[in-house]
Amino acid sequence: MRERDVRYLDLAEEELIKAFEIQPLIQGVHLTLGNIRLTKGDNEGALSYYTIALGIYPLEKEALLNRATLENLGRSSEALDDFKRFLAIPGYELSEARPYAEARIRILSP
């Protein structure tokens, strides 16, 4: 990632944290902060924000799918649960997300 891109992510993160401090229950702020952390390679930080997002809105499909970061942290059973929950929620789906989640479930299932 280019230095300029990292700086833009840092600035965006700073502004979102300000919004979070003003109103911690704004839907989408935590998801976006998780996405920024994931992009920056901070899996633990991303996991934390996705977990908060799901606490506010348990049907947030993107947070469930992205929280599969758990798999990268050696928490594959939790990632498996998130993939299953993702597939069980009707409605909007990210492009190619269903086949990806189904494939990960096959791989992660005991």
C-alpha atoms as a PDB file:
ATOM      1  CA  MET A   1       0.000   0.000   0.000  1.00  0.00           C
ATOM      2  CA  ARG A   2       1.312   3.431  -0.911  1.00  0.00           C
ATOM      3  CA  GLU A   3       2.230   5.901   1.809  1.00  0.00           C
ATOM      4  CA  ARG A   4      -0.378   8.366   0.544  1.00  0.00           C
ATOM      5  CA  ASP A   5      -3.099   5.696   0.749  1.00  0.00           C
ATOM      6  CA  VAL A   6      -2.116   4.864   4.311  1.00  0.00           C
ATOM      7  CA  ARG A   7      -2.334   8.553   5.222  1.00  0.00           C
ATOM      8  CA  TYR A   8      -5.838   8.797   3.735  1.00  0.00           C
ATOM      9  CA  LEU A   9      -6.877   5.740   5.734  1.00  0.00           C
ATOM     10  CA  ASP A  10      -5.409   7.279   8.877  1.00  0.00           C
ATOM     11  CA  LEU A  11      -7.335  10.518   8.299  1.00  0.00           C
ATOM     12  CA  ALA A  12     -10.573   8.650   7.617  1.00  0.00           C
ATOM     13  CA  GLU A  13     -10.064   6.565  10.733  1.00  0.00           C
ATOM     14  CA  GLU A  14      -9.487   9.682  12.852  1.00  0.00           C
ATOM     15  CA  GLU A  15     -12.736  11.250  11.622  1.00  0.00           C
ATOM     16  CA  LEU A  16     -14.727   8.078  12.149  1.00  0.00           C
ATOM     17  CA  ILE A  17     -13.389   7.733  15.684  1.00  0.00           C
ATOM     18  CA  LYS A  18     -14.582  11.300  16.358  1.00  0.00           C
ATOM     19  CA  ALA A  19     -18.054  10.313  15.089  1.00  0.00           C
ATOM     20  CA  PHE A  20     -17.937   7.184  17.231  1.00  0.00           C
ATOM     21  CA  GLU A  21     -17.064   9.260  20.321  1.00  0.00           C
ATOM     22  CA  ILE A  22     -20.018  11.581  19.688  1.00  0.00           C
ATOM     23  CA  GLN A  23     -22.539   8.806  18.980  1.00  0.00           C
ATOM     24  CA  PRO A  24     -21.252   5.255  19.622  1.00  0.00           C
ATOM     25  CA  LEU A  25     -24.344   3.537  18.224  1.00  0.00           C
ATOM     26  CA  ILE A  26     -24.224   4.923  14.684  1.00  0.00           C
ATOM     27  CA  GLN A  27     -24.721   1.974  12.382  1.00  0.00           C
ATOM     28  CA  GLY A  28     -21.923   1.565   9.873  1.00  0.00           C
ATOM     29  CA  VAL A  29     -19.174   3.508  11.660  1.00  0.00           C
ATOM     30  CA  HIS A  30     -17.765   0.415  13.346  1.00  0.00           C
ATOM     31  CA  LEU A  31     -18.032  -1.601  10.140  1.00  0.00           C
ATOM     32  CA  THR A  32     -16.072   1.059   8.265  1.00  0.00           C
ATOM     33  CA  LEU A  33     -13.459   1.279  11.027  1.00  0.00           C
ATOM     34  CA  GLY A  34     -13.131  -2.507  10.864  1.00  0.00           C
ATOM     35  CA  ASN A  35     -12.637  -2.310   7.110  1.00  0.00           C
ATOM     36  CA  ILE A  36      -9.940   0.329   7.526  1.00  0.00           C
ATOM     37  CA  ARG A  37      -8.132  -1.775  10.128  1.00  0.00           C
ATOM     38  CA  LEU A  38      -8.406  -4.869   7.926  1.00  0.00           C
ATOM     39  CA  THR A  39      -6.985  -2.945   4.957  1.00  0.00           C
ATOM     40  CA  LYS A  40      -4.091  -1.780   7.134  1.00  0.00           C
ATOM     41  CA  GLY A  41      -3.384  -5.389   8.182  1.00  0.00           C
ATOM     42  CA  ASP A  42      -4.598  -4.995  11.767  1.00  0.00           C
ATOM     43  CA  ASN A  43      -6.701  -8.154  12.099  1.00  0.00           C
ATOM     44  CA  GLU A  44      -7.179  -7.804  15.868  1.00  0.00           C
ATOM     45  CA  GLY A  45      -8.399  -4.213  15.475  1.00  0.00           C
ATOM     46  CA  ALA A  46     -10.691  -5.202  12.622  1.00  0.00           C
ATOM     47  CA  LEU A  47     -12.110  -8.049  14.688  1.00  0.00           C
ATOM     48  CA  SER A  48     -12.822  -5.674  17.557  1.00  0.00           C
ATOM     49  CA  TYR A  49     -14.724  -3.207  15.376  1.00  0.00           C
ATOM     50  CA  TYR A  50     -16.681  -5.922  13.553  1.00  0.00           C
ATOM     51  CA  THR A  51     -17.704  -7.381  16.909  1.00  0.00           C
ATOM     52  CA  ILE A  52     -18.954  -3.979  18.078  1.00  0.00           C
ATOM     53  CA  ALA A  53     -20.821  -3.505  14.782  1.00  0.00           C
ATOM     54  CA  LEU A  54     -22.553  -6.856  15.243  1.00  0.00           C
ATOM     55  CA  GLY A  55     -23.462  -5.942  18.805  1.00  0.00           C
ATOM     56  CA  ILE A  56     -25.284  -2.882  17.463  1.00  0.00           C
ATOM     57  CA  TYR A  57     -26.795  -4.572  14.412  1.00  0.00           C
ATOM     58  CA  PRO A  58     -26.550  -8.400  14.559  1.00  0.00           C
ATOM     59  CA  LEU A  59     -27.741  -8.785  10.960  1.00  0.00           C
ATOM     60  CA  GLU A  60     -24.877  -6.806   9.415  1.00  0.00           C
ATOM     61  CA  LYS A  61     -23.829  -9.245   6.726  1.00  0.00           C
ATOM     62  CA  GLU A  62     -20.619  -7.492   5.723  1.00  0.00           C
ATOM     63  CA  ALA A  63     -19.382  -7.459   9.332  1.00  0.00           C
ATOM     64  CA  LEU A  64     -20.125 -11.175   9.638  1.00  0.00           C
ATOM     65  CA  LEU A  65     -18.321 -11.983   6.432  1.00  0.00           C
ATOM     66  CA  ASN A  66     -15.353  -9.795   7.242  1.00  0.00           C
ATOM     67  CA  ARG A  67     -15.167 -11.071  10.801  1.00  0.00           C
ATOM     68  CA  ALA A  68     -13.929 -14.275   9.237  1.00  0.00           C
ATOM     69  CA  THR A  69     -10.663 -12.542  10.091  1.00  0.00           C
ATOM     70  CA  LEU A  70     -11.054 -14.860  13.060  1.00  0.00           C
ATOM     71  CA  GLU A  71      -9.842 -17.612  10.772  1.00  0.00           C
ATOM     72  CA  ASN A  72      -6.581 -15.725  10.244  1.00  0.00           C
ATOM     73  CA  LEU A  73      -6.198 -15.429  14.003  1.00  0.00           C
ATOM     74  CA  GLY A  74      -6.495 -19.165  14.605  1.00  0.00           C
ATOM     75  CA  ARG A  75     -10.153 -18.929  15.613  1.00  0.00           C
ATOM     76  CA  SER A  76     -11.603 -21.054  12.853  1.00  0.00           C
ATOM     77  CA  SER A  77     -14.589 -22.380  14.823  1.00  0.00           C
ATOM     78  CA  GLU A  78     -15.805 -18.811  15.397  1.00  0.00           C
ATOM     79  CA  ALA A  79     -15.193 -17.978  11.743  1.00  0.00           C
ATOM     80  CA  LEU A  80     -17.219 -21.048  10.779  1.00  0.00           C
ATOM     81  CA  ASP A  81     -20.122 -19.782  12.919  1.00  0.00           C
ATOM     82  CA  ASP A  82     -19.927 -16.351  11.275  1.00  0.00           C
ATOM     83  CA  PHE A  83     -19.960 -17.839   7.786  1.00  0.00           C
ATOM     84  CA  LYS A  84     -23.039 -19.881   8.706  1.00  0.00           C
ATOM     85  CA  ARG A  85     -24.796 -16.843  10.195  1.00  0.00           C
ATOM     86  CA  PHE A  86     -23.919 -14.844   7.083  1.00  0.00           C
ATOM     87  CA  LEU A  87     -25.574 -17.414   4.836  1.00  0.00           C
ATOM     88  CA  ALA A  88     -28.669 -17.649   7.068  1.00  0.00           C
ATOM     89  CA  ILE A  89     -29.513 -13.936   6.846  1.00  0.00           C
ATOM     90  CA  PRO A  90     -31.717 -13.119   3.851  1.00  0.00           C
ATOM     91  CA  GLY A  91     -31.268 -10.040   1.733  1.00  0.00           C
ATOM     92  CA  TYR A  92     -28.383  -8.069   0.325  1.00  0.00           C
ATOM     93  CA  GLU A  93     -25.286 -10.050  -0.546  1.00  0.00           C
ATOM     94  CA  LEU A  94     -21.862  -8.930  -1.564  1.00  0.00           C
ATOM     95  CA  SER A  95     -20.692 -10.022  -4.984  1.00  0.00           C
ATOM     96  CA  GLU A  96     -19.513 -13.639  -4.943  1.00  0.00           C
ATOM     97  CA  ALA A  97     -19.847 -13.771  -1.147  1.00  0.00           C
ATOM     98  CA  ARG A  98     -22.219 -16.754  -1.006  1.00  0.00           C
ATOM     99  CA  PRO A  99     -19.933 -19.147  -2.959  1.00  0.00           C
ATOM    100  CA  TYR A 100     -16.943 -17.952  -0.933  1.00  0.00           C
ATOM    101  CA  ALA A 101     -18.725 -18.492   2.403  1.00  0.00           C
ATOM    102  CA  GLU A 102     -19.979 -21.911   1.298  1.00  0.00           C
ATOM    103  CA  ALA A 103     -16.454 -22.941   0.279  1.00  0.00           C
ATOM    104  CA  ARG A 104     -14.979 -21.756   3.594  1.00  0.00           C
ATOM    105  CA  ILE A 105     -17.661 -23.672   5.503  1.00  0.00           C
ATOM    106  CA  ARG A 106     -16.708 -26.854   3.661  1.00  0.00           C
ATOM    107  CA  ILE A 107     -13.050 -26.315   4.485  1.00  0.00           C
ATOM    108  CA  LEU A 108     -13.556 -25.315   8.126  1.00  0.00           C
ATOM    109  CA  SER A 109     -16.186 -27.924   8.995  1.00  0.00           C
ATOM    110  CA  PRO A 110     -14.937 -30.810  11.122  1.00  0.00           C
END
